[in-house]
PDB file of N, CA and C in Angstrom:
ATOM      1  N   MET A   1      -6.358  -9.782 -23.572  1.00  0.00           N
ATOM      2  CA  MET A   1      -6.340 -10.351 -22.296  1.00  0.00           C
ATOM      3  C   MET A   1      -7.651  -9.629 -21.717  1.00  0.00           C
ATOM      4  N   THR A   2      -8.540 -10.919 -21.268  1.00  0.00           N
ATOM      5  CA  THR A   2      -9.888 -10.492 -20.484  1.00  0.00           C
ATOM      6  C   THR A   2      -9.540  -9.901 -19.018  1.00  0.00           C
ATOM      7  N   SER A   3     -10.874  -9.194 -18.533  1.00  0.00           N
ATOM      8  CA  SER A   3     -10.516  -8.684 -17.290  1.00  0.00           C
ATOM      9  C   SER A   3     -10.249  -9.761 -16.239  1.00  0.00           C
ATOM     10  N   GLU A   4     -10.965 -10.791 -16.339  1.00  0.00           N
ATOM     11  CA  GLU A   4     -10.728 -12.067 -15.353  1.00  0.00           C
ATOM     12  C   GLU A   4      -9.185 -12.342 -15.367  1.00  0.00           C
ATOM     13  N   GLU A   5      -8.702 -12.310 -16.669  1.00  0.00           N
ATOM     14  CA  GLU A   5      -7.386 -12.853 -16.648  1.00  0.00           C
ATOM     15  C   GLU A   5      -6.267 -11.810 -16.002  1.00  0.00           C
ATOM     16  N   THR A   6      -6.604 -10.628 -16.370  1.00  0.00           N
ATOM     17  CA  THR A   6      -5.909  -9.608 -15.836  1.00  0.00           C
ATOM     18  C   THR A   6      -5.879  -9.379 -14.224  1.00  0.00           C
ATOM     19  N   ASP A   7      -7.054  -9.694 -13.890  1.00  0.00           N
ATOM     20  CA  ASP A   7      -7.369  -9.885 -12.279  1.00  0.00           C
ATOM     21  C   ASP A   7      -6.543 -10.847 -11.637  1.00  0.00           C
ATOM     22  N   ARG A   8      -6.485 -12.025 -12.484  1.00  0.00           N
ATOM     23  CA  ARG A   8      -5.791 -13.139 -11.910  1.00  0.00           C
ATOM     24  C   ARG A   8      -4.329 -13.046 -12.022  1.00  0.00           C
ATOM     25  N   VAL A   9      -3.759 -12.316 -12.937  1.00  0.00           N
ATOM     26  CA  VAL A   9      -2.369 -11.950 -13.042  1.00  0.00           C
ATOM     27  C   VAL A   9      -1.919 -10.892 -11.751  1.00  0.00           C
ATOM     28  N   VAL A  10      -2.739 -10.062 -11.680  1.00  0.00           N
ATOM     29  CA  VAL A  10      -2.386  -8.966 -10.568  1.00  0.00           C
ATOM     30  C   VAL A  10      -2.616  -9.642  -9.256  1.00  0.00           C
ATOM     31  N   GLU A  11      -3.348 -10.671  -8.960  1.00  0.00           N
ATOM     32  CA  GLU A  11      -3.391 -11.437  -7.796  1.00  0.00           C
ATOM     33  C   GLU A  11      -2.320 -12.451  -7.667  1.00  0.00           C
ATOM     34  N   MET A  12      -1.842 -13.049  -8.995  1.00  0.00           N
ATOM     35  CA  MET A  12      -0.728 -13.976  -8.674  1.00  0.00           C
ATOM     36  C   MET A  12       0.523 -13.219  -8.448  1.00  0.00           C
ATOM     37  N   ALA A  13       0.556 -11.834  -8.975  1.00  0.00           N
ATOM     38  CA  ALA A  13       1.781 -11.013  -8.741  1.00  0.00           C
ATOM     39  C   ALA A  13       1.907 -10.553  -7.273  1.00  0.00           C
ATOM     40  N   TRP A  14       0.664 -10.446  -6.680  1.00  0.00           N
ATOM     41  CA  TRP A  14       0.708  -9.841  -5.392  1.00  0.00           C
ATOM     42  C   TRP A  14       1.211 -11.139  -4.414  1.00  0.00           C
ATOM     43  N   GLU A  15       0.707 -12.330  -4.722  1.00  0.00           N
ATOM     44  CA  GLU A  15       1.166 -13.361  -3.995  1.00  0.00           C
ATOM     45  C   GLU A  15       2.656 -13.546  -3.833  1.00  0.00           C
ATOM     46  N   ASP A  16       3.091 -13.577  -2.595  1.00  0.00           N
ATOM     47  CA  ASP A  16       4.768 -13.758  -2.331  1.00  0.00           C
ATOM     48  C   ASP A  16       5.283 -15.038  -3.026  1.00  0.00           C
ATOM     49  N   ARG A  17       4.516 -16.066  -2.894  1.00  0.00           N
ATOM     50  CA  ARG A  17       5.228 -17.532  -3.361  1.00  0.00           C
ATOM     51  C   ARG A  17       4.834 -17.879  -4.739  1.00  0.00           C
ATOM     52  N   THR A  18       4.141 -17.063  -5.495  1.00  0.00           N
ATOM     53  CA  THR A  18       3.830 -17.268  -7.001  1.00  0.00           C
ATOM     54  C   THR A  18       5.137 -16.602  -7.720  1.00  0.00           C
ATOM     55  N   PRO A  19       5.850 -17.382  -8.460  1.00  0.00           N
ATOM     56  CA  PRO A  19       7.141 -16.978  -9.268  1.00  0.00           C
ATOM     57  C   PRO A  19       6.742 -16.105 -10.382  1.00  0.00           C
ATOM     58  N   PHE A  20       7.420 -15.487 -10.942  1.00  0.00           N
ATOM     59  CA  PHE A  20       7.240 -14.872 -12.264  1.00  0.00           C
ATOM     60  C   PHE A  20       7.129 -15.754 -13.417  1.00  0.00           C
ATOM     61  N   GLU A  21       7.906 -16.957 -13.163  1.00  0.00           N
ATOM     62  CA  GLU A  21       7.862 -17.973 -14.066  1.00  0.00           C
ATOM     63  C   GLU A  21       6.436 -18.628 -14.248  1.00  0.00           C
ATOM     64  N   ALA A  22       5.714 -18.797 -13.032  1.00  0.00           N
ATOM     65  CA  ALA A  22       4.463 -19.374 -13.197  1.00  0.00           C
ATOM     66  C   ALA A  22       3.414 -18.487 -13.945  1.00  0.00           C
ATOM     67  N   ILE A  23       3.721 -17.246 -13.849  1.00  0.00           N
ATOM     68  CA  ILE A  23       2.792 -16.415 -14.410  1.00  0.00           C
ATOM     69  C   ILE A  23       3.141 -16.368 -16.029  1.00  0.00           C
ATOM     70  N   GLU A  24       4.222 -16.536 -16.471  1.00  0.00           N
ATOM     71  CA  GLU A  24       4.638 -16.854 -17.493  1.00  0.00           C
ATOM     72  C   GLU A  24       4.152 -17.963 -18.194  1.00  0.00           C
ATOM     73  N   ALA A  25       4.291 -19.041 -17.559  1.00  0.00           N
ATOM     74  CA  ALA A  25       3.743 -20.378 -18.021  1.00  0.00           C
ATOM     75  C   ALA A  25       2.380 -20.300 -18.256  1.00  0.00           C
ATOM     76  N   GLN A  26       1.675 -19.699 -17.193  1.00  0.00           N
ATOM     77  CA  GLN A  26      -0.040 -19.746 -17.458  1.00  0.00           C
ATOM     78  C   GLN A  26      -0.431 -18.622 -18.608  1.00  0.00           C
ATOM     79  N   PHE A  27       0.245 -17.334 -18.437  1.00  0.00           N
ATOM     80  CA  PHE A  27      -0.374 -16.291 -19.225  1.00  0.00           C
ATOM     81  C   PHE A  27       0.709 -15.919 -20.394  1.00  0.00           C
ATOM     82  N   GLY A  28       1.825 -16.340 -20.344  1.00  0.00           N
ATOM     83  CA  GLY A  28       2.736 -15.991 -21.505  1.00  0.00           C
ATOM     84  C   GLY A  28       3.268 -14.390 -21.095  1.00  0.00           C
ATOM     85  N   LEU A  29       3.193 -13.922 -19.880  1.00  0.00           N
ATOM     86  CA  LEU A  29       3.822 -12.651 -19.904  1.00  0.00           C
ATOM     87  C   LEU A  29       5.072 -12.774 -19.156  1.00  0.00           C
ATOM     88  N   SER A  30       6.063 -12.039 -19.582  1.00  0.00           N
ATOM     89  CA  SER A  30       7.489 -11.980 -18.872  1.00  0.00           C
ATOM     90  C   SER A  30       7.425 -11.159 -17.747  1.00  0.00           C
ATOM     91  N   GLU A  31       8.478 -11.068 -16.896  1.00  0.00           N
ATOM     92  CA  GLU A  31       8.449 -10.250 -15.820  1.00  0.00           C
ATOM     93  C   GLU A  31       8.444  -8.939 -16.201  1.00  0.00           C
ATOM     94  N   SER A  32       8.988  -8.333 -17.209  1.00  0.00           N
ATOM     95  CA  SER A  32       8.770  -6.986 -17.398  1.00  0.00           C
ATOM     96  C   SER A  32       7.174  -6.831 -17.880  1.00  0.00           C
ATOM     97  N   ASP A  33       6.669  -7.592 -18.734  1.00  0.00           N
ATOM     98  CA  ASP A  33       5.311  -7.482 -18.858  1.00  0.00           C
ATOM     99  C   ASP A  33       4.279  -7.235 -17.741  1.00  0.00           C
ATOM    100  N   VAL A  34       4.662  -8.218 -16.785  1.00  0.00           N
ATOM    101  CA  VAL A  34       4.141  -8.106 -15.307  1.00  0.00           C
ATOM    102  C   VAL A  34       4.106  -6.977 -14.733  1.00  0.00           C
ATOM    103  N   ILE A  35       5.253  -6.337 -14.899  1.00  0.00           N
ATOM    104  CA  ILE A  35       5.676  -5.086 -14.174  1.00  0.00           C
ATOM    105  C   ILE A  35       4.690  -4.001 -14.904  1.00  0.00           C
ATOM    106  N   LYS A  36       4.764  -4.031 -16.094  1.00  0.00           N
ATOM    107  CA  LYS A  36       4.109  -2.932 -16.957  1.00  0.00           C
ATOM    108  C   LYS A  36       2.680  -3.079 -16.676  1.00  0.00           C
ATOM    109  N   LEU A  37       1.983  -4.263 -16.632  1.00  0.00           N
ATOM    110  CA  LEU A  37       0.631  -4.536 -16.186  1.00  0.00           C
ATOM    111  C   LEU A  37       0.167  -3.992 -14.789  1.00  0.00           C
ATOM    112  N   MET A  38       1.167  -4.388 -13.726  1.00  0.00           N
ATOM    113  CA  MET A  38       0.742  -3.768 -12.530  1.00  0.00           C
ATOM    114  C   MET A  38       1.049  -2.311 -12.398  1.00  0.00           C
ATOM    115  N   ARG A  39       1.881  -1.710 -13.082  1.00  0.00           N
ATOM    116  CA  ARG A  39       1.962  -0.162 -13.214  1.00  0.00           C
ATOM    117  C   ARG A  39       0.654   0.287 -13.945  1.00  0.00           C
ATOM    118  N   GLU A  40       0.181  -0.298 -14.793  1.00  0.00           N
ATOM    119  CA  GLU A  40      -1.288   0.218 -15.252  1.00  0.00           C
ATOM    120  C   GLU A  40      -2.370  -0.094 -14.357  1.00  0.00           C
ATOM    121  N   GLN A  41      -2.427  -1.017 -13.757  1.00  0.00           N
ATOM    122  CA  GLN A  41      -3.648  -1.618 -13.022  1.00  0.00           C
ATOM    123  C   GLN A  41      -3.607  -0.978 -11.537  1.00  0.00           C
ATOM    124  N   LEU A  42      -2.378  -0.707 -11.056  1.00  0.00           N
ATOM    125  CA  LEU A  42      -2.326  -0.289  -9.577  1.00  0.00           C
ATOM    126  C   LEU A  42      -2.174   1.302  -9.578  1.00  0.00           C
ATOM    127  N   LYS A  43      -2.731   1.831  -8.113  1.00  0.00           N
ATOM    128  CA  LYS A  43      -2.242   3.218  -7.972  1.00  0.00           C
ATOM    129  C   LYS A  43      -0.691   3.271  -7.764  1.00  0.00           C
ATOM    130  N   ARG A  44      -0.174   4.375  -8.058  1.00  0.00           N
ATOM    131  CA  ARG A  44       1.118   4.689  -7.835  1.00  0.00           C
ATOM    132  C   ARG A  44       1.645   4.126  -6.638  1.00  0.00           C
ATOM    133  N   SER A  45       0.971   4.705  -5.557  1.00  0.00           N
ATOM    134  CA  SER A  45       1.461   4.122  -4.201  1.00  0.00           C
ATOM    135  C   SER A  45       1.662   2.672  -3.985  1.00  0.00           C
ATOM    136  N   SER A  46       0.587   1.912  -4.656  1.00  0.00           N
ATOM    137  CA  SER A  46       0.634   0.484  -4.444  1.00  0.00           C
ATOM    138  C   SER A  46       1.520  -0.203  -5.238  1.00  0.00           C
ATOM    139  N   PHE A  47       1.677   0.405  -6.498  1.00  0.00           N
ATOM    140  CA  PHE A  47       2.659  -0.172  -7.265  1.00  0.00           C
ATOM    141  C   PHE A  47       4.117  -0.118  -6.596  1.00  0.00           C
ATOM    142  N   ILE A  48       4.277   1.029  -6.130  1.00  0.00           N
ATOM    143  CA  ILE A  48       5.607   1.272  -5.575  1.00  0.00           C
ATOM    144  C   ILE A  48       5.963   0.223  -4.397  1.00  0.00           C
ATOM    145  N   MET A  49       4.956   0.121  -3.609  1.00  0.00           N
ATOM    146  CA  MET A  49       4.785  -0.774  -2.413  1.00  0.00           C
ATOM    147  C   MET A  49       4.987  -2.314  -2.774  1.00  0.00           C
ATOM    148  N   TRP A  50       4.253  -2.539  -3.999  1.00  0.00           N
ATOM    149  CA  TRP A  50       4.604  -3.991  -4.518  1.00  0.00           C
ATOM    150  C   TRP A  50       5.861  -4.237  -4.970  1.00  0.00           C
ATOM    151  N   ARG A  51       6.610  -3.179  -5.570  1.00  0.00           N
ATOM    152  CA  ARG A  51       7.993  -3.382  -6.225  1.00  0.00           C
ATOM    153  C   ARG A  51       8.950  -3.439  -5.130  1.00  0.00           C
ATOM    154  N   LYS A  52       8.823  -2.659  -3.991  1.00  0.00           N
ATOM    155  CA  LYS A  52       9.611  -2.779  -2.737  1.00  0.00           C
ATOM    156  C   LYS A  52       9.414  -4.290  -2.331  1.00  0.00           C
ATOM    157  N   ARG A  53       8.526  -4.745  -2.229  1.00  0.00           N
ATOM    158  CA  ARG A  53       8.108  -5.959  -1.695  1.00  0.00           C
ATOM    159  C   ARG A  53       8.877  -7.235  -2.384  1.00  0.00           C
ATOM    160  N   VAL A  54       8.746  -7.126  -3.687  1.00  0.00           N
ATOM    161  CA  VAL A  54       9.146  -7.922  -4.643  1.00  0.00           C
ATOM    162  C   VAL A  54      10.686  -8.030  -4.426  1.00  0.00           C
ATOM    163  N   HIS A  55      11.368  -6.874  -4.094  1.00  0.00           N
ATOM    164  CA  HIS A  55      12.777  -6.781  -4.089  1.00  0.00           C
ATOM    165  C   HIS A  55      13.433  -6.961  -2.646  1.00  0.00           C
ATOM    166  N   SER A  56      12.360  -7.040  -1.714  1.00  0.00           N
ATOM    167  CA  SER A  56      12.703  -6.950  -0.368  1.00  0.00           C
ATOM    168  C   SER A  56      13.536  -8.151   0.306  1.00  0.00           C
ATOM    169  N   GLY A  57      13.300  -9.263  -0.384  1.00  0.00           N
ATOM    170  CA  GLY A  57      13.843 -10.568   0.273  1.00  0.00           C
ATOM    171  C   GLY A  57      12.571 -11.343   0.841  1.00  0.00           C
ATOM    172  N   VAL A  58      11.572 -10.657   1.203  1.00  0.00           N
ATOM    173  CA  VAL A  58      10.361 -11.186   1.795  1.00  0.00           C
ATOM    174  C   VAL A  58       9.540 -11.968   0.602  1.00  0.00           C
ATOM    175  N   SER A  59       9.505 -11.433  -0.447  1.00  0.00           N
ATOM    176  CA  SER A  59       8.669 -12.148  -1.589  1.00  0.00           C
ATOM    177  C   SER A  59       9.707 -13.213  -2.151  1.00  0.00           C
ATOM    178  N   GLN A  60       9.346 -14.178  -2.750  1.00  0.00           N
ATOM    179  CA  GLN A  60      10.046 -15.232  -3.448  1.00  0.00           C
ATOM    180  C   GLN A  60       9.484 -15.304  -4.849  1.00  0.00           C
ATOM    181  N   LYS A  61       9.352 -14.095  -5.521  1.00  0.00           N
ATOM    182  CA  LYS A  61       8.996 -14.071  -6.861  1.00  0.00           C
ATOM    183  C   LYS A  61      10.046 -14.511  -7.988  1.00  0.00           C
ATOM    184  N   HIS A  62      11.058 -14.675  -7.577  1.00  0.00           N
ATOM    185  CA  HIS A  62      12.117 -15.237  -8.529  1.00  0.00           C
ATOM    186  C   HIS A  62      12.633 -16.634  -8.194  1.00  0.00           C
ATOM    187  N   LEU A  63      12.604 -17.649  -9.101  1.00  0.00           N
ATOM    188  CA  LEU A  63      12.943 -19.099  -8.622  1.00  0.00           C
ATOM    189  C   LEU A  63      14.356 -19.101  -8.200  1.00  0.00           C
ATOM    190  N   LEU A  64      15.297 -18.131  -8.798  1.00  0.00           N
ATOM    191  CA  LEU A  64      16.530 -18.469  -8.168  1.00  0.00           C
ATOM    192  C   LEU A  64      16.808 -17.995  -6.633  1.00  0.00           C
ATOM    193  N   LYS A  65      16.133 -17.142  -6.390  1.00  0.00           N
ATOM    194  CA  LYS A  65      16.092 -16.645  -4.888  1.00  0.00           C
ATOM    195  C   LYS A  65      15.257 -17.458  -3.994  1.00  0.00           C
ATOM    196  N   ARG A  66      14.690 -18.417  -4.504  1.00  0.00           N
ATOM    197  CA  ARG A  66      13.745 -19.257  -3.335  1.00  0.00           C
ATOM    198  C   ARG A  66      14.647 -20.182  -2.678  1.00  0.00           C
ATOM    199  N   THR A  67      14.112 -20.751  -1.601  1.00  0.00           N
ATOM    200  CA  THR A  67      14.694 -21.633  -0.675  1.00  0.00           C
ATOM    201  C   THR A  67      14.520 -23.043  -1.401  1.00  0.00           C
ATOM    202  N   PRO A  68      15.212 -23.908  -1.367  1.00  0.00           N
ATOM    203  CA  PRO A  68      15.155 -25.019  -2.014  1.00  0.00           C
ATOM    204  C   PRO A  68      13.886 -26.081  -1.814  1.00  0.00           C
ATOM    205  N   GLY A  69      13.218 -25.781  -0.517  1.00  0.00           N
ATOM    206  CA  GLY A  69      12.108 -26.560  -0.288  1.00  0.00           C
ATOM    207  C   GLY A  69      10.933 -26.163  -1.072  1.00  0.00           C
ATOM    208  N   ILE A  70      11.023 -25.168  -1.746  1.00  0.00           N
ATOM    209  CA  ILE A  70       9.682 -24.544  -2.332  1.00  0.00           C
ATOM    210  C   ILE A  70       9.975 -24.997  -3.957  1.00  0.00           C
ATOM    211  N   ASN A  71       9.037 -25.967  -4.434  1.00  0.00           N
ATOM    212  CA  ASN A  71       9.455 -26.324  -5.683  1.00  0.00           C
ATOM    213  C   ASN A  71       8.330 -26.571  -6.702  1.00  0.00           C
ATOM    214  N   ARG A  72       7.329 -25.900  -6.227  1.00  0.00           N
ATOM    215  CA  ARG A  72       5.949 -25.887  -6.998  1.00  0.00           C
ATOM    216  C   ARG A  72       5.234 -24.639  -7.452  1.00  0.00           C
ATOM    217  N   PHE A  73       4.430 -24.379  -8.430  1.00  0.00           N
ATOM    218  CA  PHE A  73       3.787 -23.230  -8.739  1.00  0.00           C
ATOM    219  C   PHE A  73       2.559 -23.103  -8.051  1.00  0.00           C
ATOM    220  N   LYS A  74       1.876 -24.122  -7.876  1.00  0.00           N
ATOM    221  CA  LYS A  74       0.591 -24.016  -7.149  1.00  0.00           C
ATOM    222  C   LYS A  74       0.290 -24.448  -5.745  1.00  0.00           C
ATOM    223  N   SER A  75      -0.665 -24.028  -5.074  1.00  0.00           N
ATOM    224  CA  SER A  75      -0.865 -24.593  -3.794  1.00  0.00           C
ATOM    225  C   SER A  75      -1.570 -25.949  -3.864  1.00  0.00           C
ATOM    226  N   ALA A  76      -1.188 -26.640  -2.831  1.00  0.00           N
ATOM    227  CA  ALA A  76      -1.655 -28.088  -2.787  1.00  0.00           C
ATOM    228  C   ALA A  76      -3.181 -28.084  -2.637  1.00  0.00           C
ATOM    229  N   LEU A  77      -3.898 -27.003  -2.202  1.00  0.00           N
ATOM    230  CA  LEU A  77      -5.151 -26.929  -1.885  1.00  0.00           C
ATOM    231  C   LEU A  77      -6.008 -26.450  -3.100  1.00  0.00           C
ATOM    232  N   GLN A  78      -5.275 -25.993  -4.087  1.00  0.00           N
ATOM    233  CA  GLN A  78      -5.760 -25.481  -5.295  1.00  0.00           C
ATOM    234  C   GLN A  78      -6.135 -26.546  -6.258  1.00  0.00           C
ATOM    235  N   ARG A  79      -7.539 -26.482  -6.752  1.00  0.00           N
ATOM    236  CA  ARG A  79      -7.961 -27.365  -7.594  1.00  0.00           C
ATOM    237  C   ARG A  79      -7.150 -27.548  -9.006  1.00  0.00           C
ATOM    238  N   ILE A  80      -7.310 -28.670  -9.726  1.00  0.00           N
ATOM    239  CA  ILE A  80      -6.760 -28.920 -10.863  1.00  0.00           C
ATOM    240  C   ILE A  80      -7.086 -28.003 -11.880  1.00  0.00           C
ATOM    241  N   ILE A  81      -8.461 -27.661 -12.063  1.00  0.00           N
ATOM    242  CA  ILE A  81      -8.771 -26.681 -13.025  1.00  0.00           C
ATOM    243  C   ILE A  81      -9.279 -25.620 -12.143  1.00  0.00           C
ATOM    244  N   THR A  82      -8.841 -24.479 -12.133  1.00  0.00           N
ATOM    245  CA  THR A  82      -8.903 -23.504 -10.978  1.00  0.00           C
ATOM    246  C   THR A  82      -9.836 -22.253 -11.085  1.00  0.00           C
ATOM    247  N   HIS A  83      -9.485 -21.344 -11.295  1.00  0.00           N
ATOM    248  CA  HIS A  83      -9.941 -19.969 -10.995  1.00  0.00           C
ATOM    249  C   HIS A  83      -9.653 -19.745  -9.680  1.00  0.00           C
ATOM    250  N   ASN A  84      -8.688 -20.372  -9.193  1.00  0.00           N
ATOM    251  CA  ASN A  84      -8.002 -20.600  -7.717  1.00  0.00           C
ATOM    252  C   ASN A  84      -9.051 -20.610  -6.773  1.00  0.00           C
ATOM    253  N   ASN A  85     -10.001 -21.359  -6.861  1.00  0.00           N
ATOM    254  CA  ASN A  85     -10.907 -21.844  -5.824  1.00  0.00           C
ATOM    255  C   ASN A  85     -10.413 -23.069  -4.947  1.00  0.00           C
ATOM    256  N   ILE A  86     -10.477 -22.817  -3.838  1.00  0.00           N
ATOM    257  CA  ILE A  86     -10.048 -23.860  -2.846  1.00  0.00           C
ATOM    258  C   ILE A  86     -11.185 -24.966  -2.689  1.00  0.00           C
ATOM    259  N   SER A  87     -10.957 -25.831  -2.799  1.00  0.00           N
ATOM    260  CA  SER A  87     -12.154 -27.139  -2.588  1.00  0.00           C
ATOM    261  C   SER A  87     -12.737 -27.103  -1.306  1.00  0.00           C
ATOM    262  N   LYS A  88     -14.007 -27.400  -1.116  1.00  0.00           N
ATOM    263  CA  LYS A  88     -14.511 -27.590   0.220  1.00  0.00           C
ATOM    264  C   LYS A  88     -14.082 -28.935   0.911  1.00  0.00           C
ATOM    265  N   ARG A  89     -13.904 -28.581   1.987  1.00  0.00           N
ATOM    266  CA  ARG A  89     -13.419 -30.096   2.886  1.00  0.00           C
ATOM    267  C   ARG A  89     -14.476 -30.629   3.611  1.00  0.00           C
TER     268      ARG A  89
END
């Protein structure tokens, strides 16, 4: 995995509304793989804070725990071919 891909996975993992299933669809990493990657890439305190947030109910990282109104993987503002750039308005 390139450093850009690793950075993108970490960014997606931090986002509350990006489910693990979206990361798996784009990068082929399961939830346990994402957890391992986050453990490697983050400081210990940041990793612990991230894990607490994922399991706190604030985050909607698991599709089964999401509210029914959220049914997409990407933002409506996100370009079709991304690098997660928001198009200029």
